[in-house]
Structure formats: C-alpha cells, structure tokens
Protein backbone atom coordinates (compact mmCIF):
# COMPACT_ATOMS: atom_id res chain seq x y z
CA MET A 1 96.49 70.43 1.08
CA THR A 2 96.91 69.25 4.63
CA ASN A 3 99.97 67.33 5.67
CA ALA A 4 99.17 64.29 7.82
CA PRO A 5 101.18 63.97 11.05
CA ALA A 6 104.19 61.72 10.82
CA PRO A 7 103.71 58.33 12.41
CA LEU A 8 104.99 58.08 15.99
CA THR A 9 108.17 56.08 16.03
CA ARG A 10 109.43 53.88 18.86
CA ARG A 11 112.42 56.24 19.39
CA ALA A 12 110.07 59.25 19.85
CA VAL A 13 108.06 57.38 22.49
CA VAL A 14 111.20 56.60 24.48
CA ARG A 15 112.49 60.18 24.22
CA THR A 16 109.14 61.63 25.43
CA ALA A 17 108.89 59.22 28.35
CA ALA A 18 112.34 60.24 29.60
CA TRP A 19 111.09 63.79 30.28
CA THR A 20 107.75 62.85 31.85
CA VAL A 21 107.43 62.67 35.67
CA PRO A 22 104.83 60.12 36.79
CA ALA A 23 102.00 61.47 38.92
CA VAL A 24 102.77 58.88 41.61
CA ALA A 25 106.30 60.22 42.00
CA VAL A 26 104.99 63.77 42.61
CA ALA A 27 102.65 62.58 45.33
CA THR A 28 105.35 60.70 47.23
CA ALA A 29 107.65 63.74 47.20
CA ALA A 30 105.29 65.82 49.44
CA PRO A 31 107.21 67.66 52.21
CA ALA A 32 107.17 66.41 55.80
CA PHE A 33 105.26 69.46 57.15
CA ALA A 34 102.16 68.34 55.28
CA ALA A 35 101.77 65.49 57.81
CA SER A 36 98.91 65.61 60.30
CA SER A 37 99.31 67.54 63.56
CA GLY A 38 97.35 68.13 66.72
CA ASP A 39 97.66 70.13 69.96
CA VAL A 40 95.31 69.99 72.94
CA SER A 41 95.91 72.76 75.50
CA ILE A 42 94.41 74.33 78.61
CA SER A 43 94.87 77.89 79.92
CA ALA A 44 93.53 80.03 82.75
CA VAL A 45 90.90 82.58 81.77
CA THR A 46 90.72 84.03 85.28
CA SER A 47 93.57 86.21 86.55
CA PRO A 48 94.79 85.94 90.17
CA VAL A 49 91.84 86.64 92.45
CA ARG A 50 91.75 88.35 95.82
CA VAL A 51 89.11 86.29 97.61
CA VAL A 52 86.48 87.67 100.01
CA PRO A 53 85.38 85.10 102.64
CA ASN A 54 81.87 83.67 102.18
CA GLN A 55 81.47 85.22 98.73
CA ASP A 56 81.49 83.41 95.39
CA THR A 57 84.56 83.79 93.18
CA SER A 58 84.52 82.82 89.49
CA VAL A 59 87.27 80.52 88.18
CA GLN A 60 87.50 79.65 84.47
CA PHE A 61 89.73 77.53 82.24
CA ARG A 62 89.79 77.38 78.42
CA VAL A 63 90.38 74.07 76.64
CA SER A 64 91.57 74.46 73.02
CA TYR A 65 92.46 72.20 70.13
CA TYR A 66 94.38 72.99 66.96
CA GLY A 67 95.10 70.31 64.39
CA THR A 68 94.76 69.22 60.80
CA SER A 69 91.94 66.84 61.77
CA PRO A 70 89.65 66.39 64.80
CA THR A 71 90.93 64.62 67.91
CA ALA A 72 90.83 60.85 67.80
CA GLY A 73 88.47 60.78 70.77
CA PRO A 74 87.03 62.84 73.65
CA VAL A 75 89.23 65.25 75.62
CA LEU A 76 89.44 64.61 79.38
CA VAL A 77 90.20 67.39 81.89
CA ARG A 78 91.05 67.03 85.60
CA ILE A 79 90.41 69.96 87.97
CA ALA A 80 91.75 69.48 91.51
CA LYS A 81 89.51 70.38 94.44
CA PRO A 82 90.80 72.45 97.41
CA GLY A 83 91.46 70.86 100.78
CA THR A 84 88.87 70.61 103.52
CA ASN A 85 89.93 73.86 105.23
CA GLU A 86 90.61 75.75 101.99
CA GLY A 87 87.01 76.40 100.95
CA THR A 88 84.67 74.82 98.42
CA LEU A 89 84.86 74.53 94.64
CA THR A 90 81.68 73.92 92.64
CA LEU A 91 81.47 72.97 88.99
CA GLY A 92 79.36 75.39 86.95
CA THR A 93 77.18 74.75 83.92
CA LEU A 94 79.25 72.92 81.34
CA PRO A 95 79.37 74.06 77.70
CA THR A 96 77.45 72.10 75.07
CA GLY A 97 79.17 68.83 74.28
CA TRP A 98 80.84 68.46 77.70
CA THR A 99 79.86 66.36 80.71
CA GLU A 100 81.12 65.46 84.19
CA GLN A 101 82.30 61.89 84.36
CA GLY A 102 83.96 59.98 87.20
CA SER A 103 84.67 62.87 89.61
CA THR A 104 86.23 61.98 92.96
CA ALA A 105 86.64 63.62 96.36
CA GLU A 106 89.97 65.04 95.15
CA ALA A 107 89.08 66.30 91.67
CA PHE A 108 86.44 66.97 89.02
CA LEU A 109 86.76 64.95 85.83
CA VAL A 110 85.17 66.63 82.82
CA THR A 111 85.13 65.22 79.29
CA SER A 112 83.97 66.24 75.84
CA THR A 113 81.27 63.89 74.57
CA LEU A 114 82.66 64.02 71.02
CA PRO A 115 86.07 64.59 69.42
CA MET A 116 87.13 68.24 69.27
CA GLY A 117 87.43 69.85 65.84
CA GLN A 118 90.08 72.17 64.45
CA ALA A 119 90.39 75.54 66.27
CA ARG A 120 87.63 74.72 68.73
CA HIS A 121 87.49 76.02 72.30
CA ALA A 122 85.48 75.28 75.42
CA VAL A 123 85.38 77.34 78.64
CA LEU A 124 84.95 75.37 81.87
CA SER A 125 83.51 77.48 84.71
CA LEU A 126 83.70 76.88 88.46
CA VAL A 127 82.78 78.79 91.61
CA TYR A 128 85.11 79.01 94.62
CA ARG A 129 83.90 80.04 98.08
CA ALA A 130 86.21 80.61 101.05
CA THR A 131 84.70 79.35 104.29
CA GLN A 132 87.38 80.63 106.70
CA PRO A 133 87.89 84.26 107.88
CA ASN A 134 91.56 84.19 106.85
CA VAL A 135 91.80 82.78 103.34
CA PRO A 136 95.05 80.88 102.74
CA PRO A 137 96.74 81.41 99.37
CA LEU A 138 95.99 78.47 97.10
CA GLN A 139 95.84 77.46 93.46
CA VAL A 140 93.08 75.79 91.48
CA ASN A 141 94.94 73.39 89.19
CA ALA A 142 93.58 71.94 85.94
CA SER A 143 95.24 69.56 83.49
CA ILE A 144 94.60 67.58 80.32
CA VAL A 145 94.51 63.84 81.00
CA PRO A 146 96.30 61.80 78.29
CA SER A 147 93.63 59.88 76.40
CA GLY A 148 95.19 58.72 73.14
CA ASN A 149 94.72 62.00 71.27
CA ARG A 150 97.60 63.37 69.23
CA ASP A 151 99.30 66.12 71.22
CA ASP A 152 102.44 67.70 69.75
CA SER A 153 102.93 70.19 72.63
CA PRO A 154 102.24 68.51 76.00
CA GLY A 155 103.92 71.42 77.79
CA ASN A 156 100.65 73.42 77.64
CA ASN A 157 98.55 70.69 79.23
CA SER A 158 98.27 72.29 82.68
CA ALA A 159 97.17 75.64 84.09
CA HIS A 160 96.28 77.21 87.43
CA VAL A 161 94.44 80.16 88.94
CA SER A 162 95.89 81.77 92.09
CA LEU A 163 93.35 82.56 94.79
CA ALA A 164 93.99 84.94 97.70
CA PRO A 165 97.71 85.29 96.88
CA LYS A 166 100.00 87.32 99.08
CA ASP A 167 100.03 91.05 98.45
CA LEU A 168 102.26 93.66 100.08
CA ALA A 169 102.24 97.39 99.37
CA ILE A 170 105.04 99.90 100.04
CA THR A 171 104.74 103.64 100.72
CA ILE A 172 107.11 106.36 101.92
CA SER A 173 106.45 109.63 103.71
CA GLY A 174 108.45 112.45 105.24
CA PRO A 175 109.63 116.01 104.68
CA THR A 176 111.05 117.46 101.48
CA ILE A 177 114.52 119.00 101.67
CA THR A 178 114.79 122.55 100.36
CA THR A 179 117.88 123.82 102.22
CA GLY A 180 120.27 122.93 105.03
CA THR A 181 122.41 119.88 105.79
CA ALA A 182 120.54 118.41 108.76
CA PRO A 183 119.62 114.69 108.45
CA VAL A 184 116.09 114.12 107.24
CA SER A 185 114.11 111.07 108.35
CA THR A 186 111.63 109.40 105.98
CA THR A 187 109.30 106.59 106.99
CA VAL A 188 108.87 103.48 104.85
CA THR A 189 105.66 101.52 105.43
CA ILE A 190 104.93 97.99 104.24
CA THR A 191 101.29 96.95 104.52
CA ASN A 192 99.79 93.48 104.27
CA MET A 193 97.01 93.83 101.68
CA GLY A 194 96.20 90.11 101.70
CA GLN A 195 93.64 88.20 103.73
CA MET A 196 95.87 86.13 105.97
CA GLU A 197 98.71 86.92 108.34
CA HIS A 198 102.19 85.94 107.27
CA ASP A 199 105.84 86.57 107.96
CA ILE A 200 106.72 89.46 105.66
CA SER A 201 110.38 88.48 105.52
CA ASP A 202 109.30 85.27 103.77
CA ASN A 203 107.59 87.30 101.06
CA THR A 204 109.80 90.32 100.47
CA GLY A 205 113.51 89.60 100.45
CA MET A 206 114.45 93.27 100.71
CA VAL A 207 113.56 96.87 100.00
CA GLN A 208 115.82 98.64 97.52
CA VAL A 209 116.23 102.41 97.97
CA ASP A 210 117.81 104.50 95.20
CA MET A 211 118.43 108.18 94.63
CA PRO A 212 120.81 110.19 92.40
CA TYR A 213 124.35 110.38 93.75
CA LEU A 214 125.07 113.50 95.77
CA SER A 215 127.56 114.36 98.50
CA GLY A 216 125.67 112.62 101.26
CA THR A 217 124.60 109.24 102.59
CA LEU A 218 121.50 107.10 102.89
CA THR A 219 121.00 104.86 105.89
CA ALA A 220 118.18 102.34 106.37
CA VAL A 221 117.43 102.03 110.08
CA LEU A 222 115.60 98.72 110.47
CA GLY A 223 115.90 98.35 114.24
CA THR A 224 117.83 99.37 117.34
CA SER A 225 120.90 97.14 117.08
CA PRO A 226 124.02 98.21 115.12
CA GLY A 227 123.43 95.44 112.59
CA ASP A 228 120.06 96.94 111.76
CA ARG A 229 121.67 99.97 110.11
CA LYS A 230 122.34 99.53 106.38
CA GLU A 231 124.51 102.17 104.69
CA SER A 232 124.33 103.24 101.05
CA PHE A 233 126.82 102.34 98.34
CA LEU A 234 127.39 103.65 94.83
CA PHE A 235 125.70 101.65 92.09
CA MET A 236 125.84 102.15 88.32
CA PRO A 237 122.49 101.15 86.75
CA PRO A 238 122.83 99.18 83.50
CA GLY A 239 122.85 101.49 80.50
CA SER A 240 123.41 104.61 82.62
CA SER A 241 126.50 106.78 83.06
CA ILE A 242 125.24 108.36 86.28
CA PRO A 243 125.70 106.44 89.56
CA VAL A 244 123.04 106.24 92.23
CA MET A 245 123.17 105.92 95.99
CA ARG A 246 121.63 102.54 96.86
CA VAL A 247 120.60 100.84 100.08
CA ASN A 248 119.47 97.21 100.22
CA ALA A 249 117.33 96.82 103.33
CA PRO A 250 116.42 93.23 104.28
CA LEU A 251 113.39 93.09 106.50
CA PRO A 252 113.40 91.44 109.92
CA PRO A 253 110.92 88.60 110.60
CA VAL A 254 107.65 90.37 111.32
CA VAL A 255 104.25 88.68 111.28
CA LEU A 256 101.62 90.99 109.84
CA ALA A 257 97.91 90.44 110.24
CA PRO A 258 95.69 91.50 107.31
CA SER A 259 95.68 95.30 106.85
CA ARG A 260 98.49 95.72 109.39
CA SER A 261 101.76 97.53 108.62
CA HIS A 262 105.44 97.49 109.47
CA THR A 263 107.58 100.65 109.32
CA PHE A 264 111.26 101.49 109.30
CA THR A 265 113.30 104.63 108.68
CA VAL A 266 115.49 105.77 105.81
CA LEU A 267 117.79 108.54 107.02
CA LEU A 268 119.14 110.98 104.43
CA THR A 269 122.22 112.95 105.49
CA PRO A 270 122.88 115.70 102.87
CA SER A 271 126.45 116.44 104.03
CA ALA A 272 127.72 119.45 102.05
CA TRP A 273 125.32 119.53 99.13
CA ALA A 274 122.71 121.97 100.41
CA ASN A 275 121.67 124.28 97.55
CA LYS A 276 124.26 122.49 95.42
CA PRO A 277 122.18 120.25 93.11
CA THR A 278 121.33 121.76 89.76
CA ALA A 279 118.30 119.50 89.29
CA ARG A 280 114.93 121.04 89.94
CA TYR A 281 113.58 117.93 91.65
CA ILE A 282 115.25 114.82 93.04
CA ASP A 283 113.26 111.74 94.07
CA MET A 284 114.08 108.86 96.37
CA LYS A 285 112.77 105.67 94.75
CA LEU A 286 111.85 102.44 96.52
CA LEU A 287 111.34 98.94 95.18
CA LEU A 288 109.86 96.08 97.16
CA ASN A 289 111.36 92.84 95.83
CA PRO A 290 108.97 89.97 96.59
CA THR A 291 110.10 86.36 96.58
CA ALA A 292 106.57 84.90 96.39
CA THR A 293 103.72 85.28 93.91
CA GLU A 294 101.73 88.43 94.68
CA PHE A 295 98.25 89.54 93.70
CA THR A 296 99.76 92.58 92.01
CA THR A 297 103.19 94.20 91.81
CA SER A 298 101.86 97.65 90.90
CA ASN A 299 102.00 98.65 94.60
CA ASN A 300 105.59 97.42 95.07
CA THR A 301 107.19 100.73 94.11
CA ALA A 302 107.12 104.18 95.68
CA SER A 303 108.91 107.51 95.30
CA HIS A 304 109.38 110.57 97.50
CA LEU A 305 110.57 114.07 96.72
CA VAL A 306 113.75 114.69 98.72
CA TRP A 307 115.08 117.79 96.98
CA GLN A 308 113.29 120.78 95.56
CA ASN A 309 115.66 123.43 94.32
CA SER A 310 114.19 126.79 95.34
CA THR A 311 116.50 128.84 93.11
C-alpha cells in the first residue's frame, strides 16, 4: 500500500521560501571585476636603428587591443613625420582593415576601418630614409588618438623608435705589469661610433676606472693643467667586503666627428706592491657612463690586464 504525500500546508510554504535565494538576487551580486574592460595600446616593434644615409630603414609599430568586447569604434593612430632636414618617412602597405585618413604635412593619420576585436594586433610599417650625410639623432613618434573607445590604461598610448642615436665606444690599451714599481701608462680611447659629430662631454658624463685595492695609486691624466689630473680614492662596492681603487674622470669638451676618437691616460703607480699580490691576474676595469640615449651600451665597458703574477 502506498502512502499518499501529506498535503502542503501554508506553514511549510513559508518555511521553504525562507531558505530559497531568488535567481534575481544571485545575478545582482556578481563581483565588480566581471564588468567590461578595454585597453588600446601601441608599442615599437623596431629597436633603435643606426641609420645609413640614402638607404631605406624599416620602422614598425604594433597596435593592440585587449578587452571583454570589441572597441566601440575604429582605432586612430598618429605617426609624426620628421622635419625637412631630418630625412623622409614613407607609409608602407597597411594591414587588412586599416587605411590612411586625413594625413597632414606633420603626421600620418591611420585608422582601422572596423572596431578591433579582443586580443587583436596590427603592425604599421614605415620606411625612413636619411637625406643628409650626417644623420641627426631623432625619434619617430606614434600615438593612439582618443576616439571614444574604452581605454583603461592610457599610459601605453604612445611609443617611439630612435634613429641614428648617439653611440660612443671605450677601449683601453697599454703594457701589462709583471714586476717592478715604475709607473705604467695606459691609454683610454673613446670613439664616436655614430653618424654625426657631437660634443662628447654632453654624452658621457665621466669614465669610471676601478681596480682591486693595492699599495699604489691610479691617476687619470685628462690634459696638461693641474686640474686635469684626477687621483684615485678607496671605494667599497655594494655587497663587497673588498675595497677598490676608483677614479672618476670627467671628459673635457671635445667635438668628435664620426669615427674619430679622443684619448687620455690612466697612470698606474704600483708603489711597493711589486711581486706582492697573491692574485694570478688583476684587471683594470672601465665604465663609460653616458647621459644620453645610445645605440648600444655593450661597448661602454672595457678591461685591461695590469698584473700577471709570474710566480
């Protein structure tokens, strides 16, 4: 025999309803991070470029969009043109869905023909050609033009590519000490690797010379006057328990043409430490500290063997 279910009383209905959460209430309790978002950005694809006069140089920028829904409308990009004496900039073939619109004598204006979708990218290509023998350092600047699209991070709306930036290289040469206490002269050479002449003191700041501390002195001889002689001092590098002998050598104003060099002397006076060091090899290390953007900093350091223990 089957028992029929008891009739549902009014009290049971009320009790059940008290523990039931309406579907509408769940929907309105959604966290804030579920709201829509959007970020339009532009970045340089091309690294700094050392330009060769009268030859084409590729310049590229990447436009990106990340968001929970497509942009509200087209994305507009402005790319500034170089000055009259700075060469020419030509717009390359645009990617599918992009067109040039409203360019002026000062800048290219490029726009997407449709809204950009989530995680979509477009690479805008240009060609730069220097028309002068000495190419001045310059930047090709590109930026996103505000156009009503949601953009949560406007800080990434501009980018640039450096063309023909300054570039100095440092080298050192001279004898290696094996014995004796006579002063040894080493020659420091700074060479302009760029394509235009410039005052090297505007680009360098100083040359820093370090070597392990020994009973002796280092002297940077920058010129003939007494003020051109810079003596070493003891310096404790961060995280080290061994001091070094350091000389900070500011460079005098010297205008260097492309591929030309400037030299000065670092004089090492061993004092009483001949045959005294226990190290097998001791190097003198140099660091060129630039104060302007350079093509590369890999050639801003140099080292030279100043002690080779023969025992």
